[in-house]
Amino acid sequence: MFIEKEYLDKWFQRVMERFDRLENSMIKPPEKERQKLNGELLLDNQDLCIMLNVSKRSLQRYRSLGWLPFRQIDQKMYYLQSEVETFIREHFEKRYKHNK
């Protein structure tokens, strides 16, 4: 089977363009659109789980105990950044200082 050089060159060029697009998408992940409430940043469960290194169940327990204020919008939980900072100061910093 004989393949013309021009055809092969075009085919390789298309493959390389796709690799370039893939590489660019891997290098710079798309920014997550951050929601705000009255100008203040809203964090969701995933943000908080990563930030605090806890499970979703732990967040649910903090909410149930009344330690972590939240807002529910369309079946999704959101937390104001300032209230999360207060929660961290009140609950995590005490534990950290106590364990030192």
Protein backbone atom coordinates (compact mmCIF):
# COMPACT_ATOMS: atom_id res chain seq x y z
CA MET A 1 0.00 0.00 0.00
CA PHE A 2 1.36 3.39 -1.01
CA ILE A 3 0.41 6.61 0.86
CA GLU A 4 1.17 9.97 -0.67
CA LYS A 5 3.53 12.16 1.29
CA GLU A 6 1.15 15.16 1.27
CA TYR A 7 -1.71 13.06 2.67
CA LEU A 8 0.55 11.67 5.39
CA ASP A 9 1.87 15.14 6.28
CA LYS A 10 -1.67 16.52 6.62
CA TRP A 11 -2.70 13.58 8.75
CA PHE A 12 0.30 14.03 11.08
CA GLN A 13 -0.40 17.76 11.29
CA ARG A 14 -3.99 17.09 12.43
CA VAL A 15 -2.79 14.60 15.03
CA MET A 16 -0.20 17.07 16.36
CA GLU A 17 -2.81 19.86 16.56
CA ARG A 18 -5.01 17.60 18.67
CA PHE A 19 -2.08 16.76 20.94
CA ASP A 20 -1.38 20.48 21.33
CA ARG A 21 -5.02 21.16 22.28
CA LEU A 22 -4.95 18.30 24.76
CA GLU A 23 -1.69 19.51 26.27
CA ASN A 24 -3.03 23.05 26.67
CA SER A 25 -6.15 21.81 28.40
CA MET A 26 -4.08 19.71 30.80
CA ILE A 27 -1.66 22.50 31.66
CA LYS A 28 -4.30 25.07 32.51
CA PRO A 29 -7.53 23.54 33.81
CA PRO A 30 -10.62 25.63 33.21
CA GLU A 31 -11.41 27.99 36.05
CA LYS A 32 -14.38 27.04 38.18
CA GLU A 33 -16.90 29.82 38.12
CA ARG A 34 -17.17 31.07 41.69
CA GLN A 35 -20.58 32.08 42.92
CA LYS A 36 -21.03 35.03 45.22
CA LEU A 37 -23.74 36.17 47.59
CA ASN A 38 -23.82 39.92 48.26
CA GLY A 39 -20.25 40.14 46.97
CA GLU A 40 -18.97 37.40 49.28
CA LEU A 41 -17.55 34.15 47.96
CA LEU A 42 -19.73 31.03 48.30
CA LEU A 43 -18.01 27.68 48.77
CA ASP A 44 -19.68 24.35 48.01
CA ASN A 45 -19.23 20.93 49.66
CA GLN A 46 -16.40 19.95 47.32
CA ASP A 47 -14.50 23.17 48.03
CA LEU A 48 -14.84 22.68 51.77
CA CYS A 49 -13.99 18.96 51.75
CA ILE A 50 -10.74 19.76 49.96
CA MET A 51 -10.00 22.84 52.06
CA LEU A 52 -10.58 21.15 55.41
CA ASN A 53 -9.49 17.66 54.33
CA VAL A 54 -12.73 16.13 55.63
CA SER A 55 -15.48 13.98 54.15
CA LYS A 56 -18.94 15.09 53.06
CA ARG A 57 -20.30 13.22 56.08
CA SER A 58 -18.15 15.36 58.38
CA LEU A 59 -19.58 18.50 56.80
CA GLN A 60 -23.06 17.13 57.33
CA ARG A 61 -22.26 16.51 61.01
CA TYR A 62 -20.90 20.07 61.41
CA ARG A 63 -24.11 21.42 59.87
CA SER A 64 -26.32 19.23 62.07
CA LEU A 65 -24.48 20.34 65.21
CA GLY A 66 -24.99 23.97 64.16
CA TRP A 67 -21.27 24.60 64.02
CA LEU A 68 -21.17 25.41 60.31
CA PRO A 69 -23.76 27.83 58.91
CA PHE A 70 -24.91 27.04 55.38
CA ARG A 71 -27.38 27.98 52.67
CA GLN A 72 -29.22 25.46 50.53
CA ILE A 73 -29.82 26.48 46.95
CA ASP A 74 -31.43 23.93 44.60
CA GLN A 75 -30.51 20.92 46.76
CA LYS A 76 -26.89 22.07 47.00
CA MET A 77 -25.16 23.34 50.15
CA TYR A 78 -23.16 26.56 50.11
CA TYR A 79 -21.08 28.25 52.77
CA LEU A 80 -20.04 31.90 53.06
CA GLN A 81 -16.28 32.31 53.14
CA SER A 82 -16.39 34.52 56.26
CA GLU A 83 -18.50 31.96 58.14
CA VAL A 84 -16.11 29.17 57.15
CA GLU A 85 -13.18 31.22 58.45
CA THR A 86 -15.00 31.71 61.76
CA PHE A 87 -15.77 27.98 61.93
CA ILE A 88 -12.09 27.16 61.36
CA ARG A 89 -10.97 29.58 64.07
CA GLU A 90 -13.48 28.23 66.58
CA HIS A 91 -13.14 24.51 65.95
CA PHE A 92 -9.94 23.61 64.15
CA GLU A 93 -7.44 26.05 65.66
CA LYS A 94 -8.37 24.98 69.21
CA ARG A 95 -7.71 21.34 68.33
CA TYR A 96 -4.44 22.21 66.58
CA LYS A 97 -3.15 24.24 69.56
CA HIS A 98 -4.27 21.55 71.99
CA ASN A 99 -2.40 18.80 70.09
CA LYS A 100 0.86 20.76 69.94
